[in-house]
Amino acid sequence: MDFTQKAGIRIEHWLTHNENHLKEYEAFAQELETAGKKKSASSIREMAALTAQSSECLRRALKDLKKEDGHV
């Protein structure tokens, strides 16, 4: 397995990991909101939004990696 293949696997792993955390953050923000902890819930939602942004960066990196390697 060459470096590009390993890099793709690593990025895919990070993307999956991020997406799993995103689901947890959203659920936890809802729990906080239900418990009346609105400011804390807001902060967790902000973190969830940033995680979604980082996931988009990972998607672009994976897409670009494939393009740079001649796979579209």
N, C-alpha and C. Protein backbone atom coordinates (compact mmCIF):
# COMPACT_ATOMS: atom_id res chain seq x y z
N MET A 1 0.86 -1.18 0.00
CA MET A 1 0.00 0.00 0.00
C MET A 1 0.90 1.24 0.00
N ASP A 2 0.63 2.15 -0.91
CA ASP A 2 1.47 3.34 -1.00
C ASP A 2 0.97 4.45 -0.07
N PHE A 3 1.74 5.53 -0.02
CA PHE A 3 1.43 6.63 0.90
C PHE A 3 0.05 7.22 0.64
N THR A 4 -0.30 7.42 -0.62
CA THR A 4 -1.59 8.04 -0.95
C THR A 4 -2.75 7.17 -0.47
N GLN A 5 -2.64 5.87 -0.63
CA GLN A 5 -3.70 4.97 -0.14
C GLN A 5 -3.81 5.06 1.38
N LYS A 6 -2.67 5.07 2.06
CA LYS A 6 -2.67 5.18 3.52
C LYS A 6 -3.26 6.53 3.96
N ALA A 7 -2.91 7.58 3.23
CA ALA A 7 -3.44 8.91 3.56
C ALA A 7 -4.96 8.93 3.41
N GLY A 8 -5.46 8.32 2.34
CA GLY A 8 -6.91 8.26 2.13
C GLY A 8 -7.61 7.51 3.25
N ILE A 9 -7.03 6.42 3.68
CA ILE A 9 -7.60 5.65 4.78
C ILE A 9 -7.62 6.47 6.06
N ARG A 10 -6.54 7.19 6.31
CA ARG A 10 -6.46 8.02 7.52
C ARG A 10 -7.51 9.12 7.48
N ILE A 11 -7.65 9.80 6.34
CA ILE A 11 -8.64 10.87 6.22
C ILE A 11 -10.05 10.31 6.38
N GLU A 12 -10.33 9.17 5.75
CA GLU A 12 -11.66 8.55 5.89
C GLU A 12 -11.94 8.20 7.35
N HIS A 13 -10.93 7.70 8.06
CA HIS A 13 -11.09 7.38 9.49
C HIS A 13 -11.42 8.64 10.29
N TRP A 14 -10.68 9.70 10.04
CA TRP A 14 -10.93 10.95 10.75
C TRP A 14 -12.32 11.49 10.45
N LEU A 15 -12.74 11.36 9.20
CA LEU A 15 -14.07 11.83 8.81
C LEU A 15 -15.15 11.05 9.55
N THR A 16 -15.04 9.74 9.58
CA THR A 16 -16.00 8.91 10.31
C THR A 16 -16.00 9.27 11.79
N HIS A 17 -14.81 9.44 12.35
CA HIS A 17 -14.67 9.80 13.77
C HIS A 17 -15.36 11.14 14.04
N ASN A 18 -15.11 12.11 13.17
CA ASN A 18 -15.75 13.43 13.31
C ASN A 18 -17.27 13.32 13.26
N GLU A 19 -17.77 12.57 12.30
CA GLU A 19 -19.22 12.44 12.13
C GLU A 19 -19.86 11.78 13.36
N ASN A 20 -19.18 10.80 13.93
CA ASN A 20 -19.70 10.17 15.15
C ASN A 20 -19.75 11.17 16.30
N HIS A 21 -18.69 11.95 16.44
CA HIS A 21 -18.68 12.97 17.49
C HIS A 21 -19.77 14.01 17.25
N LEU A 22 -19.96 14.40 16.01
CA LEU A 22 -20.98 15.40 15.69
C LEU A 22 -22.36 14.94 16.18
N LYS A 23 -22.69 13.69 15.93
CA LYS A 23 -23.98 13.15 16.40
C LYS A 23 -24.06 13.21 17.92
N GLU A 24 -22.96 12.87 18.59
CA GLU A 24 -22.94 12.91 20.06
C GLU A 24 -23.11 14.34 20.56
N TYR A 25 -22.42 15.29 19.93
CA TYR A 25 -22.53 16.69 20.35
C TYR A 25 -23.95 17.20 20.21
N GLU A 26 -24.58 16.88 19.10
CA GLU A 26 -25.95 17.35 18.87
C GLU A 26 -26.91 16.75 19.90
N ALA A 27 -26.75 15.47 20.18
CA ALA A 27 -27.61 14.83 21.18
C ALA A 27 -27.38 15.42 22.57
N PHE A 28 -26.12 15.65 22.90
CA PHE A 28 -25.80 16.20 24.21
C PHE A 28 -26.31 17.63 24.35
N ALA A 29 -26.21 18.41 23.28
CA ALA A 29 -26.73 19.78 23.32
C ALA A 29 -28.23 19.76 23.60
N GLN A 30 -28.92 18.80 23.01
CA GLN A 30 -30.36 18.68 23.27
C GLN A 30 -30.62 18.31 24.73
N GLU A 31 -29.81 17.42 25.27
CA GLU A 31 -29.96 17.05 26.69
C GLU A 31 -29.73 18.26 27.59
N LEU A 32 -28.70 19.03 27.28
CA LEU A 32 -28.43 20.24 28.06
C LEU A 32 -29.59 21.22 27.98
N GLU A 33 -30.11 21.40 26.77
CA GLU A 33 -31.24 22.30 26.57
C GLU A 33 -32.44 21.84 27.40
N THR A 34 -32.73 20.56 27.36
CA THR A 34 -33.84 19.99 28.12
C THR A 34 -33.66 20.21 29.62
N ALA A 35 -32.40 20.18 30.05
CA ALA A 35 -32.09 20.38 31.47
C ALA A 35 -32.04 21.86 31.84
N GLY A 36 -32.34 22.74 30.88
CA GLY A 36 -32.36 24.16 31.17
C GLY A 36 -31.00 24.83 31.10
N LYS A 37 -30.02 24.14 30.57
CA LYS A 37 -28.65 24.67 30.48
C LYS A 37 -28.43 25.25 29.08
N LYS A 38 -29.14 26.34 28.80
CA LYS A 38 -29.18 26.91 27.45
C LYS A 38 -27.83 27.44 26.97
N LYS A 39 -27.07 28.10 27.85
CA LYS A 39 -25.77 28.63 27.44
C LYS A 39 -24.80 27.49 27.13
N SER A 40 -24.80 26.48 27.96
CA SER A 40 -23.94 25.32 27.71
C SER A 40 -24.35 24.62 26.42
N ALA A 41 -25.64 24.49 26.21
CA ALA A 41 -26.14 23.86 24.98
C ALA A 41 -25.70 24.65 23.76
N SER A 42 -25.75 25.97 23.87
CA SER A 42 -25.34 26.82 22.77
C SER A 42 -23.86 26.63 22.44
N SER A 43 -23.03 26.51 23.46
CA SER A 43 -21.60 26.30 23.24
C SER A 43 -21.33 24.95 22.57
N ILE A 44 -22.06 23.94 22.99
CA ILE A 44 -21.90 22.62 22.38
C ILE A 44 -22.38 22.65 20.93
N ARG A 45 -23.45 23.36 20.68
CA ARG A 45 -23.93 23.50 19.28
C ARG A 45 -22.90 24.24 18.42
N GLU A 46 -22.26 25.24 19.02
CA GLU A 46 -21.20 25.94 18.29
C GLU A 46 -20.06 24.98 17.96
N MET A 47 -19.69 24.15 18.92
CA MET A 47 -18.66 23.15 18.68
C MET A 47 -19.09 22.17 17.60
N ALA A 48 -20.36 21.80 17.60
CA ALA A 48 -20.88 20.89 16.57
C ALA A 48 -20.76 21.53 15.19
N ALA A 49 -21.05 22.81 15.10
CA ALA A 49 -20.94 23.52 13.82
C ALA A 49 -19.49 23.55 13.35
N LEU A 50 -18.58 23.76 14.26
CA LEU A 50 -17.15 23.75 13.91
C LEU A 50 -16.70 22.36 13.49
N THR A 51 -17.24 21.35 14.14
CA THR A 51 -16.92 19.97 13.76
C THR A 51 -17.44 19.68 12.36
N ALA A 52 -18.63 20.18 12.05
CA ALA A 52 -19.18 20.00 10.70
C ALA A 52 -18.28 20.68 9.68
N GLN A 53 -17.75 21.86 10.02
CA GLN A 53 -16.82 22.55 9.13
C GLN A 53 -15.55 21.74 8.94
N SER A 54 -15.03 21.18 10.01
CA SER A 54 -13.80 20.39 9.88
C SER A 54 -14.06 19.13 9.06
N SER A 55 -15.25 18.57 9.16
CA SER A 55 -15.60 17.41 8.33
C SER A 55 -15.60 17.80 6.86
N GLU A 56 -16.09 18.99 6.57
CA GLU A 56 -16.08 19.45 5.18
C GLU A 56 -14.65 19.60 4.67
N CYS A 57 -13.77 20.10 5.51
CA CYS A 57 -12.35 20.20 5.14
C CYS A 57 -11.78 18.82 4.84
N LEU A 58 -12.13 17.84 5.65
CA LEU A 58 -11.65 16.48 5.42
C LEU A 58 -12.21 15.92 4.11
N ARG A 59 -13.48 16.19 3.83
CA ARG A 59 -14.06 15.73 2.55
C ARG A 59 -13.32 16.33 1.36
N ARG A 60 -13.03 17.62 1.45
CA ARG A 60 -12.29 18.27 0.37
C ARG A 60 -10.88 17.69 0.24
N ALA A 61 -10.24 17.46 1.37
CA ALA A 61 -8.90 16.88 1.34
C ALA A 61 -8.91 15.51 0.67
N LEU A 62 -9.91 14.70 0.98
CA LEU A 62 -10.01 13.37 0.39
C LEU A 62 -10.27 13.47 -1.11
N LYS A 63 -11.17 14.37 -1.49
CA LYS A 63 -11.48 14.57 -2.90
C LYS A 63 -10.22 15.04 -3.65
N ASP A 64 -9.52 16.00 -3.08
CA ASP A 64 -8.31 16.52 -3.71
C ASP A 64 -7.21 15.46 -3.78
N LEU A 65 -7.10 14.66 -2.75
CA LEU A 65 -6.11 13.58 -2.75
C LEU A 65 -6.35 12.64 -3.90
N LYS A 66 -7.60 12.29 -4.12
CA LYS A 66 -7.95 11.38 -5.22
C LYS A 66 -7.67 12.03 -6.57
N LYS A 67 -8.00 13.34 -6.70
CA LYS A 67 -7.72 14.06 -7.94
C LYS A 67 -6.21 14.11 -8.21
N GLU A 68 -5.46 14.43 -7.17
CA GLU A 68 -4.02 14.57 -7.31
C GLU A 68 -3.37 13.23 -7.67
N ASP A 69 -4.03 12.14 -7.32
CA ASP A 69 -3.50 10.81 -7.61
C ASP A 69 -4.05 10.27 -8.93
N GLY A 70 -4.87 11.08 -9.61
CA GLY A 70 -5.40 10.66 -10.90
C GLY A 70 -6.68 9.85 -10.84
N HIS A 71 -7.32 9.80 -9.67
CA HIS A 71 -8.61 9.11 -9.50
C HIS A 71 -9.69 10.15 -9.25
N VAL A 72 -10.69 10.15 -10.08
CA VAL A 72 -11.76 11.15 -9.87
C VAL A 72 -13.04 10.48 -9.43
